[in-house]
Amino acid sequence: RLSCAASGIDFGIRTVNWHRQAPGKQRELVAIITSRGSTNYAG
C-alpha cells in the first residue's frame, strides 16, 4: 500500500495521479482519482 501526502496545495479540488517508471522504460500513468473520487486505471 503506497501513500502520497500532499501539502501546500488545495488538495481537495485536485485530481491526483499515480505514475510508475521501470528501468529503461517510459513513465506510465497507473491510476487517477478525481476530486469527486472517480477513478481510472491502466489496463
All heavy atoms as atom14 arrays in JSON, in Angstrom:
{
  "sequence": "RLSCAASGIDFGIRTVNWHRQAPGKQRELVAIITSRGSTNYAG",
  "atom14_mask": [
    [1, 1, 1, 1, 1, 1, 1, 1, 1, 1, 1, 0, 0, 0],
    [1, 1, 1, 1, 1, 1, 1, 1, 0, 0, 0, 0, 0, 0],
    [1, 1, 1, 1, 1, 1, 0, 0, 0, 0, 0, 0, 0, 0],
    [1, 1, 1, 1, 1, 1, 0, 0, 0, 0, 0, 0, 0, 0],
    [1, 1, 1, 1, 1, 0, 0, 0, 0, 0, 0, 0, 0, 0],
    [1, 1, 1, 1, 1, 0, 0, 0, 0, 0, 0, 0, 0, 0],
    [1, 1, 1, 1, 1, 1, 0, 0, 0, 0, 0, 0, 0, 0],
    [1, 1, 1, 1, 0, 0, 0, 0, 0, 0, 0, 0, 0, 0],
    [1, 1, 1, 1, 1, 1, 1, 1, 0, 0, 0, 0, 0, 0],
    [1, 1, 1, 1, 1, 1, 1, 1, 0, 0, 0, 0, 0, 0],
    [1, 1, 1, 1, 1, 1, 1, 1, 1, 1, 1, 0, 0, 0],
    [1, 1, 1, 1, 0, 0, 0, 0, 0, 0, 0, 0, 0, 0],
    [1, 1, 1, 1, 1, 1, 1, 1, 0, 0, 0, 0, 0, 0],
    [1, 1, 1, 1, 1, 1, 1, 1, 1, 1, 1, 0, 0, 0],
    [1, 1, 1, 1, 1, 1, 1, 0, 0, 0, 0, 0, 0, 0],
    [1, 1, 1, 1, 1, 1, 1, 0, 0, 0, 0, 0, 0, 0],
    [1, 1, 1, 1, 1, 1, 1, 1, 0, 0, 0, 0, 0, 0],
    [1, 1, 1, 1, 1, 1, 1, 1, 1, 1, 1, 1, 1, 1],
    [1, 1, 1, 1, 1, 1, 1, 1, 1, 1, 0, 0, 0, 0],
    [1, 1, 1, 1, 1, 1, 1, 1, 1, 1, 1, 0, 0, 0],
    [1, 1, 1, 1, 1, 1, 1, 1, 1, 0, 0, 0, 0, 0],
    [1, 1, 1, 1, 1, 0, 0, 0, 0, 0, 0, 0, 0, 0],
    [1, 1, 1, 1, 1, 1, 1, 0, 0, 0, 0, 0, 0, 0],
    [1, 1, 1, 1, 0, 0, 0, 0, 0, 0, 0, 0, 0, 0],
    [1, 1, 1, 1, 1, 1, 1, 1, 1, 0, 0, 0, 0, 0],
    [1, 1, 1, 1, 1, 1, 1, 1, 1, 0, 0, 0, 0, 0],
    [1, 1, 1, 1, 1, 1, 1, 1, 1, 1, 1, 0, 0, 0],
    [1, 1, 1, 1, 1, 1, 1, 1, 1, 0, 0, 0, 0, 0],
    [1, 1, 1, 1, 1, 1, 1, 1, 0, 0, 0, 0, 0, 0],
    [1, 1, 1, 1, 1, 1, 1, 0, 0, 0, 0, 0, 0, 0],
    [1, 1, 1, 1, 1, 0, 0, 0, 0, 0, 0, 0, 0, 0],
    [1, 1, 1, 1, 1, 1, 1, 1, 0, 0, 0, 0, 0, 0],
    [1, 1, 1, 1, 1, 1, 1, 1, 0, 0, 0, 0, 0, 0],
    [1, 1, 1, 1, 1, 1, 1, 0, 0, 0, 0, 0, 0, 0],
    [1, 1, 1, 1, 1, 1, 0, 0, 0, 0, 0, 0, 0, 0],
    [1, 1, 1, 1, 1, 1, 1, 1, 1, 1, 1, 0, 0, 0],
    [1, 1, 1, 1, 0, 0, 0, 0, 0, 0, 0, 0, 0, 0],
    [1, 1, 1, 1, 1, 1, 0, 0, 0, 0, 0, 0, 0, 0],
    [1, 1, 1, 1, 1, 1, 1, 0, 0, 0, 0, 0, 0, 0],
    [1, 1, 1, 1, 1, 1, 1, 1, 0, 0, 0, 0, 0, 0],
    [1, 1, 1, 1, 1, 1, 1, 1, 1, 1, 1, 1, 0, 0],
    [1, 1, 1, 1, 1, 0, 0, 0, 0, 0, 0, 0, 0, 0],
    [1, 1, 1, 1, 0, 0, 0, 0, 0, 0, 0, 0, 0, 0]
  ],
  "atom14_positions": [
    [[0.85, -1.18, 0.0], [0.0, 0.0, 0.0], [0.89, 1.23, 0.0], [1.64, 1.46, 0.95], [-0.92, 0.02, 1.22], [-1.93, 1.16, 1.22], [-2.87, 1.02, 2.42], [-3.86, 2.08, 2.51], [-5.02, 2.04, 1.88], [-5.34, 1.01, 1.12], [-5.9, 3.04, 2.01], [0.0, 0.0, 0.0], [0.0, 0.0, 0.0], [0.0, 0.0, 0.0]],
    [[0.81, 2.0, -1.08], [1.57, 3.23, -1.19], [0.71, 4.4, -0.71], [-0.52, 4.39, -0.84], [1.99, 3.48, -2.64], [2.76, 2.36, -3.33], [3.18, 2.82, -4.73], [3.96, 1.92, -2.53], [0.0, 0.0, 0.0], [0.0, 0.0, 0.0], [0.0, 0.0, 0.0], [0.0, 0.0, 0.0], [0.0, 0.0, 0.0], [0.0, 0.0, 0.0]],
    [[1.38, 5.42, -0.21], [0.69, 6.62, 0.23], [1.39, 7.84, -0.33], [2.62, 7.85, -0.47], [0.67, 6.7, 1.76], [-0.05, 7.84, 2.19], [0.0, 0.0, 0.0], [0.0, 0.0, 0.0], [0.0, 0.0, 0.0], [0.0, 0.0, 0.0], [0.0, 0.0, 0.0], [0.0, 0.0, 0.0], [0.0, 0.0, 0.0], [0.0, 0.0, 0.0]],
    [[0.6, 8.85, -0.65], [1.12, 10.14, -1.11], [0.52, 11.21, -0.22], [-0.71, 11.36, -0.17], [0.75, 10.37, -2.56], [1.14, 12.02, -3.17], [0.0, 0.0, 0.0], [0.0, 0.0, 0.0], [0.0, 0.0, 0.0], [0.0, 0.0, 0.0], [0.0, 0.0, 0.0], [0.0, 0.0, 0.0], [0.0, 0.0, 0.0], [0.0, 0.0, 0.0]],
    [[1.37, 11.93, 0.49], [0.92, 13.01, 1.37], [1.23, 14.35, 0.72], [2.37, 14.59, 0.31], [1.61, 12.9, 2.72], [0.0, 0.0, 0.0], [0.0, 0.0, 0.0], [0.0, 0.0, 0.0], [0.0, 0.0, 0.0], [0.0, 0.0, 0.0], [0.0, 0.0, 0.0], [0.0, 0.0, 0.0], [0.0, 0.0, 0.0], [0.0, 0.0, 0.0]],
    [[0.21, 15.19, 0.64], [0.36, 16.49, -0.03], [0.3, 17.63, 0.98], [-0.41, 17.55, 1.99], [-0.74, 16.66, -1.06], [0.0, 0.0, 0.0], [0.0, 0.0, 0.0], [0.0, 0.0, 0.0], [0.0, 0.0, 0.0], [0.0, 0.0, 0.0], [0.0, 0.0, 0.0], [0.0, 0.0, 0.0], [0.0, 0.0, 0.0], [0.0, 0.0, 0.0]],
    [[1.02, 18.67, 0.67], [0.95, 19.9, 1.47], [1.18, 21.09, 0.55], [1.75, 20.96, -0.52], [1.98, 19.88, 2.6], [3.28, 19.77, 2.08], [0.0, 0.0, 0.0], [0.0, 0.0, 0.0], [0.0, 0.0, 0.0], [0.0, 0.0, 0.0], [0.0, 0.0, 0.0], [0.0, 0.0, 0.0], [0.0, 0.0, 0.0], [0.0, 0.0, 0.0]],
    [[0.69, 22.25, 0.99], [0.89, 23.47, 0.22], [0.02, 23.57, -1.01], [0.32, 24.36, -1.92], [0.0, 0.0, 0.0], [0.0, 0.0, 0.0], [0.0, 0.0, 0.0], [0.0, 0.0, 0.0], [0.0, 0.0, 0.0], [0.0, 0.0, 0.0], [0.0, 0.0, 0.0], [0.0, 0.0, 0.0], [0.0, 0.0, 0.0], [0.0, 0.0, 0.0]],
    [[-1.07, 22.81, -1.05], [-1.93, 22.78, -2.23], [-3.37, 22.59, -1.79], [-3.62, 21.99, -0.73], [-1.49, 21.65, -3.19], [-2.13, 21.81, -4.57], [-1.77, 20.28, -2.6], [-1.54, 20.89, -5.62], [0.0, 0.0, 0.0], [0.0, 0.0, 0.0], [0.0, 0.0, 0.0], [0.0, 0.0, 0.0], [0.0, 0.0, 0.0], [0.0, 0.0, 0.0]],
    [[-4.31, 23.12, -2.59], [-5.73, 22.94, -2.32], [-6.14, 21.55, -2.76], [-6.83, 21.36, -3.77], [-6.55, 24.02, -3.02], [-6.12, 24.25, -4.46], [-5.14, 23.61, -4.9], [-6.76, 25.07, -5.14], [0.0, 0.0, 0.0], [0.0, 0.0, 0.0], [0.0, 0.0, 0.0], [0.0, 0.0, 0.0], [0.0, 0.0, 0.0], [0.0, 0.0, 0.0]],
    [[-5.72, 20.6, -1.97], [-5.75, 19.19, -2.34], [-7.15, 18.71, -2.71], [-7.32, 17.95, -3.67], [-5.21, 18.37, -1.16], [-5.18, 16.89, -1.39], [-4.12, 16.31, -2.08], [-6.18, 16.08, -0.91], [-4.08, 14.95, -2.29], [-6.17, 14.72, -1.11], [-5.11, 14.15, -1.8], [0.0, 0.0, 0.0], [0.0, 0.0, 0.0], [0.0, 0.0, 0.0]],
    [[-8.14, 19.14, -1.99], [-9.49, 18.61, -2.15], [-10.1, 18.83, -3.51], [-11.03, 18.11, -3.89], [0.0, 0.0, 0.0], [0.0, 0.0, 0.0], [0.0, 0.0, 0.0], [0.0, 0.0, 0.0], [0.0, 0.0, 0.0], [0.0, 0.0, 0.0], [0.0, 0.0, 0.0], [0.0, 0.0, 0.0], [0.0, 0.0, 0.0], [0.0, 0.0, 0.0]],
    [[-9.61, 19.8, -4.27], [-10.21, 20.08, -5.58], [-9.35, 19.56, -6.72], [-9.64, 19.82, -7.89], [-10.46, 21.58, -5.78], [-9.15, 22.36, -5.83], [-11.36, 22.13, -4.67], [-9.32, 23.8, -6.28], [0.0, 0.0, 0.0], [0.0, 0.0, 0.0], [0.0, 0.0, 0.0], [0.0, 0.0, 0.0], [0.0, 0.0, 0.0], [0.0, 0.0, 0.0]],
    [[-8.3, 18.83, -6.4], [-7.33, 18.39, -7.41], [-7.44, 16.92, -7.74], [-7.64, 16.09, -6.85], [-5.9, 18.69, -6.95], [-5.64, 20.14, -6.63], [-5.74, 21.0, -7.86], [-5.62, 22.43, -7.53], [-5.74, 23.41, -8.4], [-5.97, 23.13, -9.69], [-5.64, 24.66, -8.0], [0.0, 0.0, 0.0], [0.0, 0.0, 0.0], [0.0, 0.0, 0.0]],
    [[-7.28, 16.62, -9.02], [-7.08, 15.23, -9.45], [-5.67, 14.81, -9.1], [-4.72, 15.58, -9.25], [-7.3, 15.11, -10.97], [-8.68, 15.35, -11.26], [-6.91, 13.74, -11.47], [0.0, 0.0, 0.0], [0.0, 0.0, 0.0], [0.0, 0.0, 0.0], [0.0, 0.0, 0.0], [0.0, 0.0, 0.0], [0.0, 0.0, 0.0], [0.0, 0.0, 0.0]],
    [[-5.53, 13.61, -8.59], [-4.22, 13.08, -8.22], [-3.95, 11.83, -9.06], [-4.83, 10.99, -9.26], [-4.16, 12.73, -6.73], [-2.78, 12.19, -6.36], [-4.49, 13.96, -5.89], [0.0, 0.0, 0.0], [0.0, 0.0, 0.0], [0.0, 0.0, 0.0], [0.0, 0.0, 0.0], [0.0, 0.0, 0.0], [0.0, 0.0, 0.0], [0.0, 0.0, 0.0]],
    [[-2.74, 11.75, -9.55], [-2.33, 10.64, -10.41], [-1.19, 9.86, -9.77], [-0.32, 10.45, -9.12], [-1.84, 11.17, -11.76], [-2.78, 12.17, -12.38], [-3.93, 11.87, -12.66], [-2.3, 13.39, -12.58], [0.0, 0.0, 0.0], [0.0, 0.0, 0.0], [0.0, 0.0, 0.0], [0.0, 0.0, 0.0], [0.0, 0.0, 0.0], [0.0, 0.0, 0.0]],
    [[-1.19, 8.56, -9.99], [-0.03, 7.73, -9.68], [0.59, 7.29, -11.02], [-0.13, 6.81, -11.91], [-0.41, 6.48, -8.9], [-0.56, 6.69, -7.43], [-1.71, 6.84, -6.73], [0.49, 6.74, -6.46], [-1.46, 6.99, -5.4], [-0.09, 6.94, -5.2], [1.88, 6.67, -6.52], [0.64, 7.04, -4.02], [2.62, 6.76, -5.35], [2.0, 6.95, -4.12]],
    [[1.89, 7.45, -11.12], [2.65, 7.01, -12.28], [3.72, 6.03, -11.8], [4.03, 5.97, -10.61], [3.37, 8.19, -12.95], [2.48, 9.28, -13.43], [2.24, 9.5, -14.78], [1.79, 10.22, -12.76], [1.43, 10.55, -14.89], [1.15, 11.0, -13.69], [0.0, 0.0, 0.0], [0.0, 0.0, 0.0], [0.0, 0.0, 0.0], [0.0, 0.0, 0.0]],
    [[4.3, 5.32, -12.73], [5.45, 4.49, -12.41], [6.44, 4.5, -13.56], [6.05, 4.73, -14.72], [5.04, 3.05, -12.08], [4.47, 2.27, -13.25], [3.98, 0.9, -12.77], [3.43, 0.11, -13.86], [2.81, -1.06, -13.69], [2.68, -1.57, -12.45], [2.34, -1.72, -14.71], [0.0, 0.0, 0.0], [0.0, 0.0, 0.0], [0.0, 0.0, 0.0]],
    [[7.68, 4.25, -13.22], [8.72, 4.16, -14.24], [9.65, 3.02, -13.91], [10.32, 3.02, -12.86], [9.5, 5.47, -14.35], [10.45, 5.48, -15.54], [10.94, 6.87, -15.88], [10.92, 7.79, -15.05], [11.39, 7.05, -17.11], [0.0, 0.0, 0.0], [0.0, 0.0, 0.0], [0.0, 0.0, 0.0], [0.0, 0.0, 0.0], [0.0, 0.0, 0.0]],
    [[9.69, 2.07, -14.82], [10.59, 0.93, -14.68], [11.9, 1.24, -15.38], [11.93, 2.08, -16.3], [9.94, -0.32, -15.27], [0.0, 0.0, 0.0], [0.0, 0.0, 0.0], [0.0, 0.0, 0.0], [0.0, 0.0, 0.0], [0.0, 0.0, 0.0], [0.0, 0.0, 0.0], [0.0, 0.0, 0.0], [0.0, 0.0, 0.0], [0.0, 0.0, 0.0]],
    [[12.98, 0.59, -14.99], [14.28, 0.85, -15.62], [14.22, 0.67, -17.12], [13.72, -0.35, -17.61], [15.2, -0.2, -14.96], [14.55, -0.49, -13.66], [13.08, -0.39, -13.9], [0.0, 0.0, 0.0], [0.0, 0.0, 0.0], [0.0, 0.0, 0.0], [0.0, 0.0, 0.0], [0.0, 0.0, 0.0], [0.0, 0.0, 0.0], [0.0, 0.0, 0.0]],
    [[14.69, 1.66, -17.85], [14.75, 1.57, -19.3], [13.41, 1.77, -20.0], [13.33, 1.61, -21.22], [0.0, 0.0, 0.0], [0.0, 0.0, 0.0], [0.0, 0.0, 0.0], [0.0, 0.0, 0.0], [0.0, 0.0, 0.0], [0.0, 0.0, 0.0], [0.0, 0.0, 0.0], [0.0, 0.0, 0.0], [0.0, 0.0, 0.0], [0.0, 0.0, 0.0]],
    [[12.38, 2.13, -19.23], [11.06, 2.31, -19.83], [10.54, 3.72, -19.58], [11.02, 4.42, -18.68], [10.08, 1.28, -19.26], [10.4, -0.15, -19.65], [9.29, -1.1, -19.22], [9.57, -2.52, -19.67], [8.47, -3.45, -19.28], [0.0, 0.0, 0.0], [0.0, 0.0, 0.0], [0.0, 0.0, 0.0], [0.0, 0.0, 0.0], [0.0, 0.0, 0.0]],
    [[9.57, 4.12, -20.37], [8.94, 5.43, -20.18], [8.03, 5.42, -18.96], [7.52, 4.37, -18.55], [8.14, 5.8, -21.43], [8.98, 6.15, -22.63], [8.17, 6.76, -23.76], [6.99, 6.45, -23.93], [8.78, 7.64, -24.53], [0.0, 0.0, 0.0], [0.0, 0.0, 0.0], [0.0, 0.0, 0.0], [0.0, 0.0, 0.0], [0.0, 0.0, 0.0]],
    [[7.84, 6.6, -18.4], [6.93, 6.73, -17.27], [5.51, 6.39, -17.75], [5.1, 6.79, -18.83], [6.99, 8.15, -16.72], [6.28, 8.31, -15.39], [6.64, 9.63, -14.75], [8.04, 9.66, -14.33], [8.59, 10.65, -13.61], [7.83, 11.69, -13.26], [9.84, 10.61, -13.27], [0.0, 0.0, 0.0], [0.0, 0.0, 0.0], [0.0, 0.0, 0.0]],
    [[4.79, 5.66, -16.9], [3.47, 5.14, -17.26], [2.44, 5.63, -16.24], [2.68, 5.53, -15.03], [3.52, 3.61, -17.26], [2.18, 2.93, -17.43], [2.24, 1.42, -17.19], [3.21, 0.97, -16.53], [1.34, 0.7, -17.61], [0.0, 0.0, 0.0], [0.0, 0.0, 0.0], [0.0, 0.0, 0.0], [0.0, 0.0, 0.0], [0.0, 0.0, 0.0]],
    [[1.31, 6.12, -16.73], [0.22, 6.5, -15.84], [-0.49, 5.24, -15.36], [-0.95, 4.44, -16.17], [-0.76, 7.42, -16.57], [-1.98, 7.88, -15.79], [-1.59, 8.67, -14.56], [-2.89, 8.71, -16.69], [0.0, 0.0, 0.0], [0.0, 0.0, 0.0], [0.0, 0.0, 0.0], [0.0, 0.0, 0.0], [0.0, 0.0, 0.0], [0.0, 0.0, 0.0]],
    [[-0.6, 5.09, -14.05], [-1.14, 3.87, -13.46], [-2.58, 4.04, -13.01], [-3.43, 3.2, -13.26], [-0.26, 3.43, -12.27], [-0.88, 2.26, -11.54], [1.14, 3.08, -12.75], [0.0, 0.0, 0.0], [0.0, 0.0, 0.0], [0.0, 0.0, 0.0], [0.0, 0.0, 0.0], [0.0, 0.0, 0.0], [0.0, 0.0, 0.0], [0.0, 0.0, 0.0]],
    [[-2.85, 5.14, -12.3], [-4.19, 5.33, -11.72], [-4.44, 6.81, -11.52], [-3.52, 7.59, -11.3], [-4.32, 4.59, -10.4], [0.0, 0.0, 0.0], [0.0, 0.0, 0.0], [0.0, 0.0, 0.0], [0.0, 0.0, 0.0], [0.0, 0.0, 0.0], [0.0, 0.0, 0.0], [0.0, 0.0, 0.0], [0.0, 0.0, 0.0], [0.0, 0.0, 0.0]],
    [[-5.72, 7.16, -11.6], [-6.18, 8.54, -11.44], [-7.34, 8.56, -10.47], [-8.2, 7.66, -10.51], [-6.66, 9.11, -12.79], [-5.54, 9.15, -13.81], [-7.26, 10.49, -12.61], [-6.02, 9.48, -15.21], [0.0, 0.0, 0.0], [0.0, 0.0, 0.0], [0.0, 0.0, 0.0], [0.0, 0.0, 0.0], [0.0, 0.0, 0.0], [0.0, 0.0, 0.0]],
    [[-7.39, 9.59, -9.64], [-8.58, 9.82, -8.83], [-8.91, 11.3, -8.88], [-8.05, 12.15, -8.62], [-8.41, 9.3, -7.38], [-9.75, 9.43, -6.62], [-7.28, 10.0, -6.65], [-9.79, 8.61, -5.35], [0.0, 0.0, 0.0], [0.0, 0.0, 0.0], [0.0, 0.0, 0.0], [0.0, 0.0, 0.0], [0.0, 0.0, 0.0], [0.0, 0.0, 0.0]],
    [[-10.15, 11.6, -9.25], [-10.56, 12.99, -9.35], [-10.97, 13.53, -7.98], [-11.04, 12.8, -6.99], [-11.75, 13.13, -10.3], [-12.91, 12.53, -9.7], [-11.49, 12.47, -11.65], [0.0, 0.0, 0.0], [0.0, 0.0, 0.0], [0.0, 0.0, 0.0], [0.0, 0.0, 0.0], [0.0, 0.0, 0.0], [0.0, 0.0, 0.0], [0.0, 0.0, 0.0]],
    [[-11.26, 14.82, -7.95], [-11.66, 15.44, -6.7], [-12.96, 14.85, -6.16], [-13.19, 14.84, -4.95], [-11.82, 16.95, -6.89], [-12.79, 17.22, -7.88], [0.0, 0.0, 0.0], [0.0, 0.0, 0.0], [0.0, 0.0, 0.0], [0.0, 0.0, 0.0], [0.0, 0.0, 0.0], [0.0, 0.0, 0.0], [0.0, 0.0, 0.0], [0.0, 0.0, 0.0]],
    [[-13.76, 14.32, -7.05], [-15.04, 13.72, -6.64], [-14.91, 12.24, -6.34], [-15.9, 11.58, -6.01], [-16.1, 13.94, -7.72], [-16.46, 15.4, -7.92], [-17.64, 15.55, -8.87], [-18.05, 16.95, -8.99], [-19.13, 17.34, -9.66], [-19.9, 16.45, -10.26], [-19.44, 18.62, -9.73], [0.0, 0.0, 0.0], [0.0, 0.0, 0.0], [0.0, 0.0, 0.0]],
    [[-13.71, 11.7, -6.53], [-13.49, 10.3, -6.21], [-13.65, 9.35, -7.38], [-13.56, 8.13, -7.19], [0.0, 0.0, 0.0], [0.0, 0.0, 0.0], [0.0, 0.0, 0.0], [0.0, 0.0, 0.0], [0.0, 0.0, 0.0], [0.0, 0.0, 0.0], [0.0, 0.0, 0.0], [0.0, 0.0, 0.0], [0.0, 0.0, 0.0], [0.0, 0.0, 0.0]],
    [[-13.86, 9.87, -8.57], [-13.9, 9.0, -9.75], [-12.5, 8.48, -10.04], [-11.51, 9.21, -9.88], [-14.42, 9.76, -10.96], [-15.76, 10.17, -10.75], [0.0, 0.0, 0.0], [0.0, 0.0, 0.0], [0.0, 0.0, 0.0], [0.0, 0.0, 0.0], [0.0, 0.0, 0.0], [0.0, 0.0, 0.0], [0.0, 0.0, 0.0], [0.0, 0.0, 0.0]],
    [[-12.43, 7.22, -10.44], [-11.13, 6.59, -10.65], [-10.99, 6.01, -12.05], [-11.99, 5.72, -12.72], [-10.91, 5.47, -9.62], [-11.94, 4.48, -9.78], [-10.94, 6.0, -8.21], [0.0, 0.0, 0.0], [0.0, 0.0, 0.0], [0.0, 0.0, 0.0], [0.0, 0.0, 0.0], [0.0, 0.0, 0.0], [0.0, 0.0, 0.0], [0.0, 0.0, 0.0]],
    [[-9.75, 5.85, -12.46], [-9.45, 5.21, -13.73], [-8.1, 4.53, -13.6], [-7.22, 5.03, -12.86], [-9.42, 6.23, -14.87], [-9.69, 5.59, -16.21], [-9.87, 4.39, -16.31], [-9.72, 6.41, -17.25], [0.0, 0.0, 0.0], [0.0, 0.0, 0.0], [0.0, 0.0, 0.0], [0.0, 0.0, 0.0], [0.0, 0.0, 0.0], [0.0, 0.0, 0.0]],
    [[-7.92, 3.42, -14.3], [-6.7, 2.62, -14.15], [-6.14, 2.22, -15.5], [-6.88, 2.04, -16.48], [-7.01, 1.34, -13.36], [-7.55, 1.59, -11.97], [-8.91, 1.67, -11.74], [-6.68, 1.77, -10.89], [-9.41, 1.92, -10.47], [-7.17, 2.01, -9.62], [-8.53, 2.09, -9.42], [-9.01, 2.33, -8.16], [0.0, 0.0, 0.0], [0.0, 0.0, 0.0]],
    [[-4.84, 2.03, -15.53], [-4.21, 1.43, -16.69], [-4.68, -0.02, -16.79], [-4.92, -0.69, -15.78], [-2.69, 1.48, -16.55], [0.0, 0.0, 0.0], [0.0, 0.0, 0.0], [0.0, 0.0, 0.0], [0.0, 0.0, 0.0], [0.0, 0.0, 0.0], [0.0, 0.0, 0.0], [0.0, 0.0, 0.0], [0.0, 0.0, 0.0], [0.0, 0.0, 0.0]],
    [[-4.77, -0.5, -18.02], [-5.24, -1.85, -18.22], [-4.38, -2.9, -17.53], [-4.88, -3.94, -17.1], [0.0, 0.0, 0.0], [0.0, 0.0, 0.0], [0.0, 0.0, 0.0], [0.0, 0.0, 0.0], [0.0, 0.0, 0.0], [0.0, 0.0, 0.0], [0.0, 0.0, 0.0], [0.0, 0.0, 0.0], [0.0, 0.0, 0.0], [0.0, 0.0, 0.0]]
  ]
}
